[in-house]
Amino acid sequence: MLNYSDPLDGVFKALGDGARRKILEQLSRGEATLSAIAEPLEISLSAVHQHVALLEAVGLVACEKRGRERFCRLDARGLDRADAWIRGRRRLWENRLAALDGYLAREKRGR
């Protein structure tokens, strides 16, 4: 399995694949079996299993075996970490742009 030094690296790597984003979108509507996940994706059950294994490894999905079926659900904590990182970058740039706006306004008044 993939090994990332920073858990956030794994989350963004996982989100970088369209099939994995579709799986997360599906699981955001509720728990599903691997076969139910595979159905709308038009990829093999084996490929879905690999995608889900990666999503589980980076903390975006939690799976549980019940009888012969493997049930998966979204684990929002991984998305929360990514969201917190993105919000931090957004605040940083909003502050920088506000400072630039203030600087430009002062320059304009000074002319």
PDB file of N, CA and C in Angstrom:
ATOM      1  N   MET A   1       0.843  -1.179   0.000  1.00  0.00           N
ATOM      2  CA  MET A   1       0.000   0.000   0.000  1.00  0.00           C
ATOM      3  C   MET A   1       0.890   1.245   0.000  1.00  0.00           C
ATOM      4  N   LEU A   2       0.333   2.317  -0.487  1.00  0.00           N
ATOM      5  CA  LEU A   2       1.081   3.560  -0.556  1.00  0.00           C
ATOM      6  C   LEU A   2       1.367   4.092   0.833  1.00  0.00           C
ATOM      7  N   ASN A   3       2.550   4.694   0.978  1.00  0.00           N
ATOM      8  CA  ASN A   3       2.950   5.244   2.260  1.00  0.00           C
ATOM      9  C   ASN A   3       3.271   6.719   2.067  1.00  0.00           C
ATOM     10  N   TYR A   4       2.554   7.587   2.772  1.00  0.00           N
ATOM     11  CA  TYR A   4       2.769   9.018   2.674  1.00  0.00           C
ATOM     12  C   TYR A   4       3.271   9.529   4.013  1.00  0.00           C
ATOM     13  N   SER A   5       4.284  10.392   3.975  1.00  0.00           N
ATOM     14  CA  SER A   5       4.829  10.921   5.222  1.00  0.00           C
ATOM     15  C   SER A   5       3.828  11.846   5.902  1.00  0.00           C
ATOM     16  N   ASP A   6       3.061  12.583   5.139  1.00  0.00           N
ATOM     17  CA  ASP A   6       2.038  13.473   5.673  1.00  0.00           C
ATOM     18  C   ASP A   6       0.682  12.906   5.248  1.00  0.00           C
ATOM     19  N   PRO A   7      -0.214  12.640   6.195  1.00  0.00           N
ATOM     20  CA  PRO A   7      -1.516  12.075   5.824  1.00  0.00           C
ATOM     21  C   PRO A   7      -2.263  12.915   4.790  1.00  0.00           C
ATOM     22  N   LEU A   8      -2.051  14.213   4.819  1.00  0.00           N
ATOM     23  CA  LEU A   8      -2.713  15.085   3.864  1.00  0.00           C
ATOM     24  C   LEU A   8      -2.261  14.799   2.433  1.00  0.00           C
ATOM     25  N   ASP A   9      -0.993  14.381   2.251  1.00  0.00           N
ATOM     26  CA  ASP A   9      -0.519  14.017   0.916  1.00  0.00           C
ATOM     27  C   ASP A   9      -1.365  12.893   0.341  1.00  0.00           C
ATOM     28  N   GLY A  10      -1.646  11.894   1.165  1.00  0.00           N
ATOM     29  CA  GLY A  10      -2.459  10.768   0.716  1.00  0.00           C
ATOM     30  C   GLY A  10      -3.875  11.179   0.366  1.00  0.00           C
ATOM     31  N   VAL A  11      -4.443  12.079   1.142  1.00  0.00           N
ATOM     32  CA  VAL A  11      -5.801  12.542   0.878  1.00  0.00           C
ATOM     33  C   VAL A  11      -5.858  13.241  -0.479  1.00  0.00           C
ATOM     34  N   PHE A  12      -4.909  14.146  -0.724  1.00  0.00           N
ATOM     35  CA  PHE A  12      -4.928  14.862  -2.002  1.00  0.00           C
ATOM     36  C   PHE A  12      -4.600  13.938  -3.173  1.00  0.00           C
ATOM     37  N   LYS A  13      -3.734  12.966  -2.967  1.00  0.00           N
ATOM     38  CA  LYS A  13      -3.453  11.974  -4.006  1.00  0.00           C
ATOM     39  C   LYS A  13      -4.730  11.201  -4.333  1.00  0.00           C
ATOM     40  N   ALA A  14      -5.447  10.786  -3.299  1.00  0.00           N
ATOM     41  CA  ALA A  14      -6.688  10.043  -3.504  1.00  0.00           C
ATOM     42  C   ALA A  14      -7.723  10.895  -4.238  1.00  0.00           C
ATOM     43  N   LEU A  15      -7.816  12.162  -3.874  1.00  0.00           N
ATOM     44  CA  LEU A  15      -8.792  13.054  -4.498  1.00  0.00           C
ATOM     45  C   LEU A  15      -8.419  13.406  -5.935  1.00  0.00           C
ATOM     46  N   GLY A  16      -7.185  13.134  -6.314  1.00  0.00           N
ATOM     47  CA  GLY A  16      -6.721  13.448  -7.661  1.00  0.00           C
ATOM     48  C   GLY A  16      -7.234  12.501  -8.729  1.00  0.00           C
ATOM     49  N   ASP A  17      -7.918  11.445  -8.342  1.00  0.00           N
ATOM     50  CA  ASP A  17      -8.411  10.461  -9.307  1.00  0.00           C
ATOM     51  C   ASP A  17      -9.935  10.574  -9.430  1.00  0.00           C
ATOM     52  N   GLY A  18     -10.416  10.668 -10.644  1.00  0.00           N
ATOM     53  CA  GLY A  18     -11.848  10.840 -10.893  1.00  0.00           C
ATOM     54  C   GLY A  18     -12.699   9.694 -10.373  1.00  0.00           C
ATOM     55  N   ALA A  19     -12.244   8.468 -10.534  1.00  0.00           N
ATOM     56  CA  ALA A  19     -13.025   7.319 -10.058  1.00  0.00           C
ATOM     57  C   ALA A  19     -13.151   7.361  -8.541  1.00  0.00           C
ATOM     58  N   ARG A  20     -12.073   7.725  -7.863  1.00  0.00           N
ATOM     59  CA  ARG A  20     -12.139   7.798  -6.404  1.00  0.00           C
ATOM     60  C   ARG A  20     -13.053   8.928  -5.948  1.00  0.00           C
ATOM     61  N   ARG A  21     -13.045  10.045  -6.668  1.00  0.00           N
ATOM     62  CA  ARG A  21     -13.972  11.137  -6.320  1.00  0.00           C
ATOM     63  C   ARG A  21     -15.420  10.679  -6.522  1.00  0.00           C
ATOM     64  N   LYS A  22     -15.686   9.902  -7.575  1.00  0.00           N
ATOM     65  CA  LYS A  22     -17.040   9.384  -7.801  1.00  0.00           C
ATOM     66  C   LYS A  22     -17.446   8.433  -6.677  1.00  0.00           C
ATOM     67  N   ILE A  23     -16.513   7.620  -6.216  1.00  0.00           N
ATOM     68  CA  ILE A  23     -16.797   6.714  -5.100  1.00  0.00           C
ATOM     69  C   ILE A  23     -17.151   7.524  -3.859  1.00  0.00           C
ATOM     70  N   LEU A  24     -16.369   8.549  -3.577  1.00  0.00           N
ATOM     71  CA  LEU A  24     -16.659   9.398  -2.409  1.00  0.00           C
ATOM     72  C   LEU A  24     -18.003  10.088  -2.557  1.00  0.00           C
ATOM     73  N   GLU A  25     -18.312  10.547  -3.751  1.00  0.00           N
ATOM     74  CA  GLU A  25     -19.609  11.195  -4.007  1.00  0.00           C
ATOM     75  C   GLU A  25     -20.738  10.210  -3.727  1.00  0.00           C
ATOM     76  N   GLN A  26     -20.585   8.985  -4.205  1.00  0.00           N
ATOM     77  CA  GLN A  26     -21.601   7.968  -3.972  1.00  0.00           C
ATOM     78  C   GLN A  26     -21.747   7.677  -2.472  1.00  0.00           C
ATOM     79  N   LEU A  27     -20.628   7.544  -1.785  1.00  0.00           N
ATOM     80  CA  LEU A  27     -20.674   7.238  -0.360  1.00  0.00           C
ATOM     81  C   LEU A  27     -21.173   8.415   0.472  1.00  0.00           C
ATOM     82  N   SER A  28     -21.114   9.622  -0.080  1.00  0.00           N
ATOM     83  CA  SER A  28     -21.654  10.774   0.650  1.00  0.00           C
ATOM     84  C   SER A  28     -23.176  10.678   0.767  1.00  0.00           C
ATOM     85  N   ARG A  29     -23.780   9.836  -0.070  1.00  0.00           N
ATOM     86  CA  ARG A  29     -25.231   9.625  -0.008  1.00  0.00           C
ATOM     87  C   ARG A  29     -25.597   8.454   0.896  1.00  0.00           C
ATOM     88  N   GLY A  30     -24.589   7.738   1.399  1.00  0.00           N
ATOM     89  CA  GLY A  30     -24.862   6.641   2.319  1.00  0.00           C
ATOM     90  C   GLY A  30     -23.969   5.442   2.066  1.00  0.00           C
ATOM     91  N   GLU A  31     -24.025   4.518   2.987  1.00  0.00           N
ATOM     92  CA  GLU A  31     -23.225   3.297   2.950  1.00  0.00           C
ATOM     93  C   GLU A  31     -23.558   2.474   1.702  1.00  0.00           C
ATOM     94  N   ALA A  32     -22.540   1.778   1.179  1.00  0.00           N
ATOM     95  CA  ALA A  32     -22.748   0.947  -0.013  1.00  0.00           C
ATOM     96  C   ALA A  32     -21.783  -0.227  -0.003  1.00  0.00           C
ATOM     97  N   THR A  33     -22.189  -1.300  -0.655  1.00  0.00           N
ATOM     98  CA  THR A  33     -21.312  -2.451  -0.818  1.00  0.00           C
ATOM     99  C   THR A  33     -20.366  -2.186  -1.981  1.00  0.00           C
ATOM    100  N   LEU A  34     -19.304  -2.964  -2.071  1.00  0.00           N
ATOM    101  CA  LEU A  34     -18.364  -2.815  -3.185  1.00  0.00           C
ATOM    102  C   LEU A  34     -19.064  -3.018  -4.520  1.00  0.00           C
ATOM    103  N   SER A  35     -19.940  -4.010  -4.602  1.00  0.00           N
ATOM    104  CA  SER A  35     -20.628  -4.252  -5.872  1.00  0.00           C
ATOM    105  C   SER A  35     -21.561  -3.091  -6.229  1.00  0.00           C
ATOM    106  N   ALA A  36     -22.201  -2.486  -5.238  1.00  0.00           N
ATOM    107  CA  ALA A  36     -23.051  -1.319  -5.502  1.00  0.00           C
ATOM    108  C   ALA A  36     -22.215  -0.125  -5.946  1.00  0.00           C
ATOM    109  N   ILE A  37     -21.019  -0.002  -5.386  1.00  0.00           N
ATOM    110  CA  ILE A  37     -20.119   1.084  -5.787  1.00  0.00           C
ATOM    111  C   ILE A  37     -19.663   0.879  -7.225  1.00  0.00           C
ATOM    112  N   ALA A  38     -19.372  -0.362  -7.584  1.00  0.00           N
ATOM    113  CA  ALA A  38     -18.844  -0.670  -8.921  1.00  0.00           C
ATOM    114  C   ALA A  38     -19.872  -0.449 -10.016  1.00  0.00           C
ATOM    115  N   GLU A  39     -21.138  -0.690  -9.727  1.00  0.00           N
ATOM    116  CA  GLU A  39     -22.177  -0.671 -10.757  1.00  0.00           C
ATOM    117  C   GLU A  39     -22.199   0.587 -11.621  1.00  0.00           C
ATOM    118  N   PRO A  40     -22.287   1.790 -11.054  1.00  0.00           N
ATOM    119  CA  PRO A  40     -22.359   2.976 -11.923  1.00  0.00           C
ATOM    120  C   PRO A  40     -21.004   3.398 -12.511  1.00  0.00           C
ATOM    121  N   LEU A  41     -19.926   2.837 -12.026  1.00  0.00           N
ATOM    122  CA  LEU A  41     -18.607   3.283 -12.465  1.00  0.00           C
ATOM    123  C   LEU A  41     -18.127   2.635 -13.757  1.00  0.00           C
ATOM    124  N   GLU A  42     -18.726   1.509 -14.107  1.00  0.00           N
ATOM    125  CA  GLU A  42     -18.321   0.778 -15.303  1.00  0.00           C
ATOM    126  C   GLU A  42     -16.847   0.391 -15.252  1.00  0.00           C
ATOM    127  N   ILE A  43     -16.378   0.011 -14.056  1.00  0.00           N
ATOM    128  CA  ILE A  43     -15.046  -0.561 -13.903  1.00  0.00           C
ATOM    129  C   ILE A  43     -15.191  -1.863 -13.129  1.00  0.00           C
ATOM    130  N   SER A  44     -14.173  -2.674 -13.185  1.00  0.00           N
ATOM    131  CA  SER A  44     -14.257  -3.996 -12.560  1.00  0.00           C
ATOM    132  C   SER A  44     -14.361  -3.890 -11.041  1.00  0.00           C
ATOM    133  N   LEU A  45     -14.902  -4.935 -10.462  1.00  0.00           N
ATOM    134  CA  LEU A  45     -14.990  -5.015  -9.008  1.00  0.00           C
ATOM    135  C   LEU A  45     -13.598  -4.992  -8.394  1.00  0.00           C
ATOM    136  N   SER A  46     -12.650  -5.602  -9.062  1.00  0.00           N
ATOM    137  CA  SER A  46     -11.259  -5.601  -8.590  1.00  0.00           C
ATOM    138  C   SER A  46     -10.696  -4.179  -8.547  1.00  0.00           C
ATOM    139  N   ALA A  47     -10.971  -3.400  -9.589  1.00  0.00           N
ATOM    140  CA  ALA A  47     -10.489  -2.009  -9.626  1.00  0.00           C
ATOM    141  C   ALA A  47     -11.151  -1.190  -8.530  1.00  0.00           C
ATOM    142  N   VAL A  48     -12.447  -1.410  -8.305  1.00  0.00           N
ATOM    143  CA  VAL A  48     -13.150  -0.700  -7.235  1.00  0.00           C
ATOM    144  C   VAL A  48     -12.532  -1.065  -5.894  1.00  0.00           C
ATOM    145  N   HIS A  49     -12.238  -2.342  -5.719  1.00  0.00           N
ATOM    146  CA  HIS A  49     -11.619  -2.787  -4.460  1.00  0.00           C
ATOM    147  C   HIS A  49     -10.292  -2.062  -4.227  1.00  0.00           C
ATOM    148  N   GLN A  50      -9.485  -1.911  -5.277  1.00  0.00           N
ATOM    149  CA  GLN A  50      -8.200  -1.212  -5.144  1.00  0.00           C
ATOM    150  C   GLN A  50      -8.406   0.261  -4.799  1.00  0.00           C
ATOM    151  N   HIS A  51      -9.349   0.903  -5.474  1.00  0.00           N
ATOM    152  CA  HIS A  51      -9.628   2.314  -5.183  1.00  0.00           C
ATOM    153  C   HIS A  51     -10.113   2.481  -3.737  1.00  0.00           C
ATOM    154  N   VAL A  52     -11.020   1.613  -3.320  1.00  0.00           N
ATOM    155  CA  VAL A  52     -11.561   1.701  -1.960  1.00  0.00           C
ATOM    156  C   VAL A  52     -10.462   1.431  -0.935  1.00  0.00           C
ATOM    157  N   ALA A  53      -9.564   0.489  -1.238  1.00  0.00           N
ATOM    158  CA  ALA A  53      -8.457   0.200  -0.322  1.00  0.00           C
ATOM    159  C   ALA A  53      -7.583   1.436  -0.127  1.00  0.00           C
ATOM    160  N   LEU A  54      -7.311   2.164  -1.204  1.00  0.00           N
ATOM    161  CA  LEU A  54      -6.515   3.386  -1.079  1.00  0.00           C
ATOM    162  C   LEU A  54      -7.278   4.437  -0.280  1.00  0.00           C
ATOM    163  N   LEU A  55      -8.567   4.600  -0.576  1.00  0.00           N
ATOM    164  CA  LEU A  55      -9.379   5.573   0.157  1.00  0.00           C
ATOM    165  C   LEU A  55      -9.433   5.229   1.641  1.00  0.00           C
ATOM    166  N   GLU A  56      -9.488   3.945   1.936  1.00  0.00           N
ATOM    167  CA  GLU A  56      -9.497   3.513   3.332  1.00  0.00           C
ATOM    168  C   GLU A  56      -8.141   3.767   3.984  1.00  0.00           C
ATOM    169  N   ALA A  57      -7.063   3.519   3.252  1.00  0.00           N
ATOM    170  CA  ALA A  57      -5.712   3.713   3.796  1.00  0.00           C
ATOM    171  C   ALA A  57      -5.429   5.167   4.160  1.00  0.00           C
ATOM    172  N   VAL A  58      -6.012   6.103   3.412  1.00  0.00           N
ATOM    173  CA  VAL A  58      -5.761   7.524   3.697  1.00  0.00           C
ATOM    174  C   VAL A  58      -6.834   8.130   4.596  1.00  0.00           C
ATOM    175  N   GLY A  59      -7.775   7.308   5.057  1.00  0.00           N
ATOM    176  CA  GLY A  59      -8.753   7.772   6.030  1.00  0.00           C
ATOM    177  C   GLY A  59      -9.974   8.462   5.474  1.00  0.00           C
ATOM    178  N   LEU A  60     -10.283   8.236   4.196  1.00  0.00           N
ATOM    179  CA  LEU A  60     -11.471   8.851   3.613  1.00  0.00           C
ATOM    180  C   LEU A  60     -12.684   7.922   3.624  1.00  0.00           C
ATOM    181  N   VAL A  61     -12.424   6.626   3.765  1.00  0.00           N
ATOM    182  CA  VAL A  61     -13.488   5.625   3.734  1.00  0.00           C
ATOM    183  C   VAL A  61     -13.236   4.625   4.851  1.00  0.00           C
ATOM    184  N   ALA A  62     -14.312   4.149   5.456  1.00  0.00           N
ATOM    185  CA  ALA A  62     -14.234   3.070   6.438  1.00  0.00           C
ATOM    186  C   ALA A  62     -15.061   1.904   5.902  1.00  0.00           C
ATOM    187  N   CYS A  63     -14.504   0.704   5.977  1.00  0.00           N
ATOM    188  CA  CYS A  63     -15.194  -0.477   5.466  1.00  0.00           C
ATOM    189  C   CYS A  63     -15.345  -1.503   6.581  1.00  0.00           C
ATOM    190  N   GLU A  64     -16.387  -2.290   6.437  1.00  0.00           N
ATOM    191  CA  GLU A  64     -16.677  -3.321   7.432  1.00  0.00           C
ATOM    192  C   GLU A  64     -17.244  -4.529   6.698  1.00  0.00           C
ATOM    193  N   LYS A  65     -16.721  -5.701   7.015  1.00  0.00           N
ATOM    194  CA  LYS A  65     -17.216  -6.925   6.410  1.00  0.00           C
ATOM    195  C   LYS A  65     -18.375  -7.453   7.240  1.00  0.00           C
ATOM    196  N   ARG A  66     -19.506  -7.670   6.577  1.00  0.00           N
ATOM    197  CA  ARG A  66     -20.689  -8.247   7.212  1.00  0.00           C
ATOM    198  C   ARG A  66     -21.127  -9.430   6.370  1.00  0.00           C
ATOM    199  N   GLY A  67     -20.945 -10.595   6.908  1.00  0.00           N
ATOM    200  CA  GLY A  67     -21.245 -11.791   6.122  1.00  0.00           C
ATOM    201  C   GLY A  67     -20.315 -11.865   4.937  1.00  0.00           C
ATOM    202  N   ARG A  68     -20.884 -11.975   3.752  1.00  0.00           N
ATOM    203  CA  ARG A  68     -20.072 -12.074   2.540  1.00  0.00           C
ATOM    204  C   ARG A  68     -19.854 -10.728   1.867  1.00  0.00           C
ATOM    205  N   GLU A  69     -20.476  -9.712   2.380  1.00  0.00           N
ATOM    206  CA  GLU A  69     -20.400  -8.385   1.760  1.00  0.00           C
ATOM    207  C   GLU A  69     -19.466  -7.468   2.535  1.00  0.00           C
ATOM    208  N   ARG A  70     -18.854  -6.555   1.809  1.00  0.00           N
ATOM    209  CA  ARG A  70     -18.022  -5.520   2.412  1.00  0.00           C
ATOM    210  C   ARG A  70     -18.754  -4.198   2.250  1.00  0.00           C
ATOM    211  N   PHE A  71     -19.126  -3.583   3.360  1.00  0.00           N
ATOM    212  CA  PHE A  71     -19.863  -2.327   3.350  1.00  0.00           C
ATOM    213  C   PHE A  71     -18.896  -1.173   3.601  1.00  0.00           C
ATOM    214  N   CYS A  72     -19.050  -0.125   2.820  1.00  0.00           N
ATOM    215  CA  CYS A  72     -18.163   1.034   2.924  1.00  0.00           C
ATOM    216  C   CYS A  72     -18.992   2.280   3.214  1.00  0.00           C
ATOM    217  N   ARG A  73     -18.368   3.193   3.957  1.00  0.00           N
ATOM    218  CA  ARG A  73     -19.018   4.471   4.237  1.00  0.00           C
ATOM    219  C   ARG A  73     -17.950   5.570   4.216  1.00  0.00           C
ATOM    220  N   LEU A  74     -18.389   6.758   3.954  1.00  0.00           N
ATOM    221  CA  LEU A  74     -17.511   7.920   3.939  1.00  0.00           C
ATOM    222  C   LEU A  74     -17.026   8.204   5.353  1.00  0.00           C
ATOM    223  N   ASP A  75     -15.754   8.508   5.484  1.00  0.00           N
ATOM    224  CA  ASP A  75     -15.186   8.952   6.761  1.00  0.00           C
ATOM    225  C   ASP A  75     -14.776  10.402   6.555  1.00  0.00           C
ATOM    226  N   ALA A  76     -15.621  11.312   6.984  1.00  0.00           N
ATOM    227  CA  ALA A  76     -15.435  12.736   6.697  1.00  0.00           C
ATOM    228  C   ALA A  76     -14.218  13.346   7.379  1.00  0.00           C
ATOM    229  N   ARG A  77     -13.619  12.635   8.338  1.00  0.00           N
ATOM    230  CA  ARG A  77     -12.464  13.219   9.035  1.00  0.00           C
ATOM    231  C   ARG A  77     -11.319  13.513   8.063  1.00  0.00           C
ATOM    232  N   GLY A  78     -11.102  12.642   7.100  1.00  0.00           N
ATOM    233  CA  GLY A  78     -10.054  12.890   6.104  1.00  0.00           C
ATOM    234  C   GLY A  78     -10.354  14.118   5.271  1.00  0.00           C
ATOM    235  N   LEU A  79     -11.614  14.276   4.909  1.00  0.00           N
ATOM    236  CA  LEU A  79     -12.013  15.464   4.158  1.00  0.00           C
ATOM    237  C   LEU A  79     -11.924  16.711   5.019  1.00  0.00           C
ATOM    238  N   ASP A  80     -12.205  16.565   6.308  1.00  0.00           N
ATOM    239  CA  ASP A  80     -12.099  17.705   7.225  1.00  0.00           C
ATOM    240  C   ASP A  80     -10.663  18.221   7.285  1.00  0.00           C
ATOM    241  N   ARG A  81      -9.692  17.302   7.281  1.00  0.00           N
ATOM    242  CA  ARG A  81      -8.277  17.719   7.304  1.00  0.00           C
ATOM    243  C   ARG A  81      -7.929  18.493   6.034  1.00  0.00           C
ATOM    244  N   ALA A  82      -8.393  17.986   4.890  1.00  0.00           N
ATOM    245  CA  ALA A  82      -8.129  18.675   3.619  1.00  0.00           C
ATOM    246  C   ALA A  82      -8.821  20.032   3.600  1.00  0.00           C
ATOM    247  N   ASP A  83     -10.052  20.073   4.078  1.00  0.00           N
ATOM    248  CA  ASP A  83     -10.802  21.323   4.114  1.00  0.00           C
ATOM    249  C   ASP A  83     -10.113  22.350   5.006  1.00  0.00           C
ATOM    250  N   ALA A  84      -9.621  21.913   6.154  1.00  0.00           N
ATOM    251  CA  ALA A  84      -8.918  22.833   7.063  1.00  0.00           C
ATOM    252  C   ALA A  84      -7.670  23.398   6.395  1.00  0.00           C
ATOM    253  N   TRP A  85      -6.940  22.558   5.667  1.00  0.00           N
ATOM    254  CA  TRP A  85      -5.734  23.024   4.977  1.00  0.00           C
ATOM    255  C   TRP A  85      -6.111  24.050   3.903  1.00  0.00           C
ATOM    256  N   ILE A  86      -7.146  23.739   3.132  1.00  0.00           N
ATOM    257  CA  ILE A  86      -7.583  24.648   2.064  1.00  0.00           C
ATOM    258  C   ILE A  86      -8.067  25.970   2.655  1.00  0.00           C
ATOM    259  N   ARG A  87      -8.863  25.904   3.734  1.00  0.00           N
ATOM    260  CA  ARG A  87      -9.343  27.136   4.370  1.00  0.00           C
ATOM    261  C   ARG A  87      -8.186  27.984   4.879  1.00  0.00           C
ATOM    262  N   GLY A  88      -7.151  27.338   5.395  1.00  0.00           N
ATOM    263  CA  GLY A  88      -5.969  28.069   5.853  1.00  0.00           C
ATOM    264  C   GLY A  88      -5.292  28.811   4.710  1.00  0.00           C
ATOM    265  N   ARG A  89      -5.177  28.160   3.555  1.00  0.00           N
ATOM    266  CA  ARG A  89      -4.573  28.821   2.397  1.00  0.00           C
ATOM    267  C   ARG A  89      -5.465  29.954   1.904  1.00  0.00           C
ATOM    268  N   ARG A  90      -6.779  29.738   1.938  1.00  0.00           N
ATOM    269  CA  ARG A  90      -7.707  30.779   1.495  1.00  0.00           C
ATOM    270  C   ARG A  90      -7.583  32.012   2.382  1.00  0.00           C
ATOM    271  N   ARG A  91      -7.539  31.804   3.711  1.00  0.00           N
ATOM    272  CA  ARG A  91      -7.400  32.942   4.642  1.00  0.00           C
ATOM    273  C   ARG A  91      -6.098  33.687   4.378  1.00  0.00           C
ATOM    274  N   LEU A  92      -5.017  32.945   4.159  1.00  0.00           N
ATOM    275  CA  LEU A  92      -3.727  33.554   3.885  1.00  0.00           C
ATOM    276  C   LEU A  92      -3.815  34.476   2.667  1.00  0.00           C
ATOM    277  N   TRP A  93      -4.401  33.965   1.573  1.00  0.00           N
ATOM    278  CA  TRP A  93      -4.476  34.771   0.363  1.00  0.00           C
ATOM    279  C   TRP A  93      -5.492  35.899   0.478  1.00  0.00           C
ATOM    280  N   GLU A  94      -6.570  35.674   1.196  1.00  0.00           N
ATOM    281  CA  GLU A  94      -7.516  36.770   1.412  1.00  0.00           C
ATOM    282  C   GLU A  94      -6.851  37.900   2.194  1.00  0.00           C
ATOM    283  N   ASN A  95      -6.055  37.566   3.204  1.00  0.00           N
ATOM    284  CA  ASN A  95      -5.327  38.580   3.976  1.00  0.00           C
ATOM    285  C   ASN A  95      -4.310  39.305   3.109  1.00  0.00           C
ATOM    286  N   ARG A  96      -3.602  38.560   2.280  1.00  0.00           N
ATOM    287  CA  ARG A  96      -2.624  39.195   1.390  1.00  0.00           C
ATOM    288  C   ARG A  96      -3.295  40.119   0.394  1.00  0.00           C
ATOM    289  N   LEU A  97      -4.416  39.682  -0.168  1.00  0.00           N
ATOM    290  CA  LEU A  97      -5.121  40.519  -1.140  1.00  0.00           C
ATOM    291  C   LEU A  97      -5.728  41.747  -0.466  1.00  0.00           C
ATOM    292  N   ALA A  98      -6.206  41.588   0.757  1.00  0.00           N
ATOM    293  CA  ALA A  98      -6.737  42.748   1.492  1.00  0.00           C
ATOM    294  C   ALA A  98      -5.620  43.755   1.764  1.00  0.00           C
ATOM    295  N   ALA A  99      -4.442  43.250   2.122  1.00  0.00           N
ATOM    296  CA  ALA A  99      -3.306  44.141   2.363  1.00  0.00           C
ATOM    297  C   ALA A  99      -2.908  44.854   1.070  1.00  0.00           C
ATOM    298  N   LEU A 100      -2.916  44.142  -0.040  1.00  0.00           N
ATOM    299  CA  LEU A 100      -2.599  44.753  -1.331  1.00  0.00           C
ATOM    300  C   LEU A 100      -3.642  45.801  -1.690  1.00  0.00           C
ATOM    301  N   ASP A 101      -4.907  45.480  -1.455  1.00  0.00           N
ATOM    302  CA  ASP A 101      -5.978  46.428  -1.734  1.00  0.00           C
ATOM    303  C   ASP A 101      -5.785  47.705  -0.914  1.00  0.00           C
ATOM    304  N   GLY A 102      -5.455  47.546   0.364  1.00  0.00           N
ATOM    305  CA  GLY A 102      -5.213  48.710   1.221  1.00  0.00           C
ATOM    306  C   GLY A 102      -4.031  49.527   0.731  1.00  0.00           C
ATOM    307  N   TYR A 103      -2.970  48.855   0.346  1.00  0.00           N
ATOM    308  CA  TYR A 103      -1.774  49.529  -0.172  1.00  0.00           C
ATOM    309  C   TYR A 103      -2.117  50.314  -1.435  1.00  0.00           C
ATOM    310  N   LEU A 104      -2.830  49.689  -2.358  1.00  0.00           N
ATOM    311  CA  LEU A 104      -3.181  50.355  -3.609  1.00  0.00           C
ATOM    312  C   LEU A 104      -4.118  51.551  -3.366  1.00  0.00           C
ATOM    313  N   ALA A 105      -5.034  51.397  -2.408  1.00  0.00           N
ATOM    314  CA  ALA A 105      -5.920  52.524  -2.072  1.00  0.00           C
ATOM    315  C   ALA A 105      -5.120  53.691  -1.505  1.00  0.00           C
ATOM    316  N   ARG A 106      -4.142  53.396  -0.637  1.00  0.00           N
ATOM    317  CA  ARG A 106      -3.292  54.470  -0.072  1.00  0.00           C
ATOM    318  C   ARG A 106      -2.462  55.108  -1.182  1.00  0.00           C
ATOM    319  N   GLU A 107      -1.935  54.349  -2.079  1.00  0.00           N
ATOM    320  CA  GLU A 107      -1.140  54.875  -3.191  1.00  0.00           C
ATOM    321  C   GLU A 107      -1.989  55.782  -4.083  1.00  0.00           C
ATOM    322  N   LYS A 108      -3.214  55.339  -4.334  1.00  0.00           N
ATOM    323  CA  LYS A 108      -4.112  56.130  -5.184  1.00  0.00           C
ATOM    324  C   LYS A 108      -4.446  57.475  -4.516  1.00  0.00           C
ATOM    325  N   ARG A 109      -4.667  57.466  -3.201  1.00  0.00           N
ATOM    326  CA  ARG A 109      -4.969  58.711  -2.489  1.00  0.00           C
ATOM    327  C   ARG A 109      -3.740  59.622  -2.458  1.00  0.00           C
ATOM    328  N   GLY A 110      -2.563  59.031  -2.455  1.00  0.00           N
ATOM    329  CA  GLY A 110      -1.339  59.817  -2.364  1.00  0.00           C
ATOM    330  C   GLY A 110      -0.966  60.509  -3.663  1.00  0.00           C
ATOM    331  N   ARG A 111      -1.587  60.187  -4.744  1.00  0.00           N
ATOM    332  CA  ARG A 111      -1.257  60.812  -6.040  1.00  0.00           C
ATOM    333  C   ARG A 111      -1.922  62.114  -6.240  1.00  0.00           C
TER     334      ARG A 111
END
